[in-house]
Amino acid sequence: MKLTEKAQNLMFYILYKTETYIVLNQVSMSAAILYLSGKALTGLYEDKNGFLVTATGALVTTYKFAKIDKLKVLAILEFLTVFVFIYGFLKWSEERKVFTISEKMIINYITGLIVLICNIRYLVAIKKNSKQEPLQKNNLDINSLLENLSIAAFAIGTSMIICKNGYGWIGYMVAHTAIGILLYRKKDHVFAIFQLISMIIASFSLIFYILDIKI
């Protein structure tokens, strides 16, 4: 191969990596900002529009999981949360915000199903990772634990918040901490920082709920 061809290939490779990095960070920042805004509106201001903003963030995150991270199962689960947030918006828009027993049962069944899926995914991952070298196995097991813990905690927290139970913010605190650590381990530092900020907002939302503070 000629020197000029090697230089051209190197240049194209650098451009490709640079473009990928820019797109990744733009998508990560867009999703994080939408999630931050949605949680602030819902938790601190008790504004129903926070659910719509968060649903938009879920759509962007779905794209990130599917096209960039190549995590199809996570993308599907994230996409399903869009409908959950829309339901939360519609429910908070009603004059009657009291949930019936049947409505709570449906929400609990859906949440339980998501948690069950997360447990199964974790057990399957452990079995699959057992074929790897010990060091790599431990690393993969930790990532899988953090990933599935964050999904389960998000599901529990979201269902509680939709039902006007502010202690659901504890689930969000756990979820954001877990996903933040996971993203930091995967070198996605931009999104990891936003997860930390989201965890702080969830903490304030919990405090506001316990102390009955209104803004």
Protein backbone atom coordinates (compact mmCIF):
# COMPACT_ATOMS: atom_id res chain seq x y z
CA MET A 1 0.00 0.00 0.00
CA LYS A 2 1.35 3.41 -0.92
CA LEU A 3 2.11 6.02 1.73
CA THR A 4 -0.57 8.36 0.36
CA GLU A 5 -3.19 5.60 0.64
CA LYS A 6 -2.19 4.94 4.25
CA ALA A 7 -2.45 8.65 5.02
CA GLN A 8 -5.89 8.84 3.41
CA ASN A 9 -7.10 5.79 5.33
CA LEU A 10 -5.79 7.29 8.57
CA MET A 11 -7.50 10.59 7.81
CA PHE A 12 -10.83 8.88 7.06
CA TYR A 13 -10.51 6.83 10.25
CA ILE A 14 -9.88 9.95 12.36
CA LEU A 15 -12.82 11.76 10.73
CA TYR A 16 -15.09 8.76 11.33
CA LYS A 17 -14.09 8.50 14.99
CA THR A 18 -14.48 12.26 15.47
CA GLU A 19 -17.93 12.27 13.88
CA THR A 20 -18.99 9.27 15.97
CA TYR A 21 -17.75 10.97 19.15
CA ILE A 22 -19.63 14.19 18.35
CA VAL A 23 -22.87 12.36 17.53
CA LEU A 24 -22.58 10.21 20.67
CA ASN A 25 -22.08 13.23 22.90
CA GLN A 26 -24.88 15.20 21.24
CA VAL A 27 -27.31 12.32 21.72
CA SER A 28 -26.15 11.70 25.29
CA MET A 29 -26.41 15.37 26.22
CA SER A 30 -29.83 15.76 24.57
CA ALA A 31 -31.24 12.75 26.42
CA ALA A 32 -29.68 13.82 29.72
CA ILE A 33 -30.96 17.41 29.49
CA LEU A 34 -34.47 16.21 28.67
CA TYR A 35 -34.42 13.76 31.57
CA LEU A 36 -33.09 16.43 33.94
CA SER A 37 -35.75 18.93 32.88
CA GLY A 38 -38.53 16.35 33.11
CA LYS A 39 -37.56 15.22 36.60
CA ALA A 40 -37.18 18.81 37.81
CA LEU A 41 -40.65 19.70 36.52
CA THR A 42 -42.25 16.58 37.96
CA GLY A 43 -40.39 16.35 41.26
CA LEU A 44 -39.75 19.95 42.26
CA TYR A 45 -42.70 21.71 40.64
CA GLU A 46 -45.22 18.83 40.43
CA ASP A 47 -45.84 19.83 36.82
CA LYS A 48 -47.56 17.16 34.67
CA ASN A 49 -45.63 18.39 31.60
CA GLY A 50 -42.54 16.86 33.17
CA PHE A 51 -43.83 13.47 32.05
CA LEU A 52 -43.93 14.60 28.41
CA VAL A 53 -40.41 16.02 28.59
CA THR A 54 -39.19 12.79 30.19
CA ALA A 55 -40.99 10.73 27.51
CA THR A 56 -39.09 12.70 24.85
CA GLY A 57 -35.85 11.95 26.68
CA ALA A 58 -36.79 8.27 26.71
CA LEU A 59 -37.20 8.35 22.93
CA VAL A 60 -33.74 9.86 22.48
CA THR A 61 -32.28 7.29 24.90
CA THR A 62 -34.01 4.52 22.95
CA TYR A 63 -32.17 5.70 19.84
CA LYS A 64 -28.89 5.79 21.77
CA PHE A 65 -29.33 2.24 23.09
CA ALA A 66 -30.46 0.85 19.72
CA LYS A 67 -28.17 2.61 17.22
CA ILE A 68 -25.09 3.59 19.22
CA ASP A 69 -24.76 1.19 22.15
CA LYS A 70 -26.30 -1.78 20.27
CA LEU A 71 -28.30 -2.77 23.36
CA LYS A 72 -31.54 -3.96 21.78
CA VAL A 73 -33.24 -5.27 24.93
CA LEU A 74 -32.52 -2.04 26.79
CA ALA A 75 -33.80 -0.08 23.81
CA ILE A 76 -37.09 -2.00 23.85
CA LEU A 77 -37.54 -1.53 27.60
CA GLU A 78 -36.67 2.17 27.31
CA PHE A 79 -39.20 2.58 24.48
CA LEU A 80 -41.91 1.00 26.64
CA THR A 81 -41.31 3.65 29.31
CA VAL A 82 -42.47 6.28 26.80
CA PHE A 83 -46.01 4.93 27.12
CA VAL A 84 -45.67 4.83 30.91
CA PHE A 85 -44.71 8.51 31.02
CA ILE A 86 -47.55 9.43 28.67
CA TYR A 87 -49.93 7.53 30.95
CA GLY A 88 -48.53 9.48 33.90
CA PHE A 89 -49.19 12.74 32.06
CA LEU A 90 -52.78 11.75 31.24
CA LYS A 91 -53.41 10.59 34.81
CA TRP A 92 -52.01 13.77 36.34
CA SER A 93 -54.16 15.76 33.90
CA GLU A 94 -57.36 14.32 35.35
CA GLU A 95 -59.26 16.22 37.99
CA ARG A 96 -59.64 12.92 39.84
CA LYS A 97 -56.07 11.86 40.60
CA VAL A 98 -57.05 9.02 42.92
CA PHE A 99 -56.14 5.63 41.49
CA THR A 100 -58.61 2.78 41.60
CA ILE A 101 -57.59 -0.65 42.91
CA SER A 102 -57.64 -2.08 39.36
CA GLU A 103 -55.42 0.73 38.06
CA LYS A 104 -52.89 0.16 40.84
CA MET A 105 -52.94 -3.59 40.16
CA ILE A 106 -52.19 -3.02 36.47
CA ILE A 107 -49.30 -0.70 37.31
CA ASN A 108 -47.96 -3.20 39.87
CA TYR A 109 -48.21 -6.09 37.37
CA ILE A 110 -46.32 -4.14 34.70
CA THR A 111 -43.65 -3.09 37.22
CA GLY A 112 -43.33 -6.65 38.49
CA LEU A 113 -42.95 -7.94 34.94
CA ILE A 114 -40.12 -5.49 34.22
CA VAL A 115 -38.36 -6.45 37.46
CA LEU A 116 -38.75 -10.14 36.58
CA ILE A 117 -37.27 -9.55 33.12
CA CYS A 118 -34.31 -7.77 34.72
CA ASN A 119 -33.69 -10.72 37.08
CA ILE A 120 -33.84 -13.19 34.19
CA ARG A 121 -31.49 -11.03 32.07
CA TYR A 122 -29.01 -10.89 34.95
CA LEU A 123 -29.08 -14.66 35.52
CA VAL A 124 -28.68 -15.32 31.78
CA ALA A 125 -25.77 -12.86 31.65
CA ILE A 126 -24.03 -14.58 34.58
CA LYS A 127 -24.30 -17.95 32.85
CA LYS A 128 -23.07 -16.50 29.57
CA ASN A 129 -20.16 -14.69 31.25
CA SER A 130 -19.03 -17.87 33.06
CA LYS A 131 -17.18 -18.87 29.87
CA GLN A 132 -14.96 -15.79 30.06
CA GLU A 133 -11.68 -15.29 31.86
CA PRO A 134 -12.15 -14.56 35.63
CA LEU A 135 -11.22 -10.88 35.38
CA GLN A 136 -13.37 -10.25 32.33
CA LYS A 137 -16.20 -12.31 33.86
CA ASN A 138 -16.24 -10.18 37.02
CA ASN A 139 -16.25 -7.00 34.93
CA LEU A 140 -19.15 -8.21 32.77
CA ASP A 141 -21.09 -9.43 35.82
CA ILE A 142 -20.78 -6.04 37.51
CA ASN A 143 -21.92 -4.23 34.35
CA SER A 144 -24.91 -6.54 34.02
CA LEU A 145 -25.83 -6.06 37.68
CA LEU A 146 -25.68 -2.27 37.38
CA GLU A 147 -27.62 -2.31 34.10
CA ASN A 148 -30.49 -4.48 35.36
CA LEU A 149 -30.58 -2.82 38.78
CA SER A 150 -31.02 0.58 37.14
CA ILE A 151 -33.91 -0.66 34.96
CA ALA A 152 -35.70 -2.32 37.88
CA ALA A 153 -35.23 0.72 40.12
CA PHE A 154 -36.48 3.07 37.38
CA ALA A 155 -39.58 0.90 36.90
CA ILE A 156 -40.39 0.82 40.62
CA GLY A 157 -39.70 4.54 41.06
CA THR A 158 -41.77 5.57 38.04
CA SER A 159 -44.79 3.49 39.05
CA MET A 160 -44.72 4.98 42.56
CA ILE A 161 -44.37 8.56 41.32
CA ILE A 162 -47.25 8.14 38.85
CA CYS A 163 -49.35 7.02 41.82
CA LYS A 164 -48.31 10.19 43.68
CA ASN A 165 -46.04 8.33 46.09
CA GLY A 166 -43.01 10.56 46.46
CA TYR A 167 -40.91 7.79 47.99
CA GLY A 168 -40.55 6.57 44.42
CA TRP A 169 -37.72 9.08 44.13
CA ILE A 170 -35.63 6.64 46.17
CA GLY A 171 -35.91 4.25 43.23
CA TYR A 172 -34.69 7.01 40.92
CA MET A 173 -31.77 7.76 43.24
CA VAL A 174 -30.71 4.10 43.14
CA ALA A 175 -31.25 3.89 39.37
CA HIS A 176 -29.29 7.04 38.53
CA THR A 177 -26.44 5.98 40.81
CA ALA A 178 -26.26 2.52 39.19
CA ILE A 179 -26.46 3.75 35.59
CA GLY A 180 -23.99 6.55 36.37
CA ILE A 181 -21.41 4.06 37.64
CA LEU A 182 -22.06 1.82 34.64
CA LEU A 183 -21.57 4.66 32.15
CA TYR A 184 -18.44 5.82 33.95
CA ARG A 185 -17.04 2.30 33.66
CA LYS A 186 -17.87 2.41 29.93
CA LYS A 187 -16.08 5.79 29.55
CA ASP A 188 -19.31 7.66 28.73
CA HIS A 189 -18.36 10.45 31.13
CA VAL A 190 -20.79 13.07 29.78
CA PHE A 191 -23.86 10.95 30.39
CA ALA A 192 -22.42 9.73 33.72
CA ILE A 193 -22.15 13.31 35.01
CA PHE A 194 -25.75 14.01 34.03
CA GLN A 195 -26.78 10.86 35.90
CA LEU A 196 -25.12 12.28 39.01
CA ILE A 197 -27.03 15.54 38.57
CA SER A 198 -30.26 13.58 38.07
CA MET A 199 -29.58 11.70 41.30
CA ILE A 200 -29.19 15.02 43.13
CA ILE A 201 -32.48 16.30 41.66
CA ALA A 202 -34.20 13.07 42.73
CA SER A 203 -32.77 13.57 46.24
CA PHE A 204 -34.18 17.09 46.44
CA SER A 205 -37.51 15.86 45.09
CA LEU A 206 -37.64 13.28 47.88
CA ILE A 207 -36.81 15.92 50.50
CA PHE A 208 -39.48 18.24 49.10
CA TYR A 209 -42.02 15.40 49.28
CA ILE A 210 -41.15 14.44 52.86
CA LEU A 211 -41.17 18.06 54.08
CA ASP A 212 -44.19 18.92 51.89
CA ILE A 213 -42.35 21.83 50.24
CA LYS A 214 -44.09 23.46 47.27
CA ILE A 215 -42.43 25.70 44.66
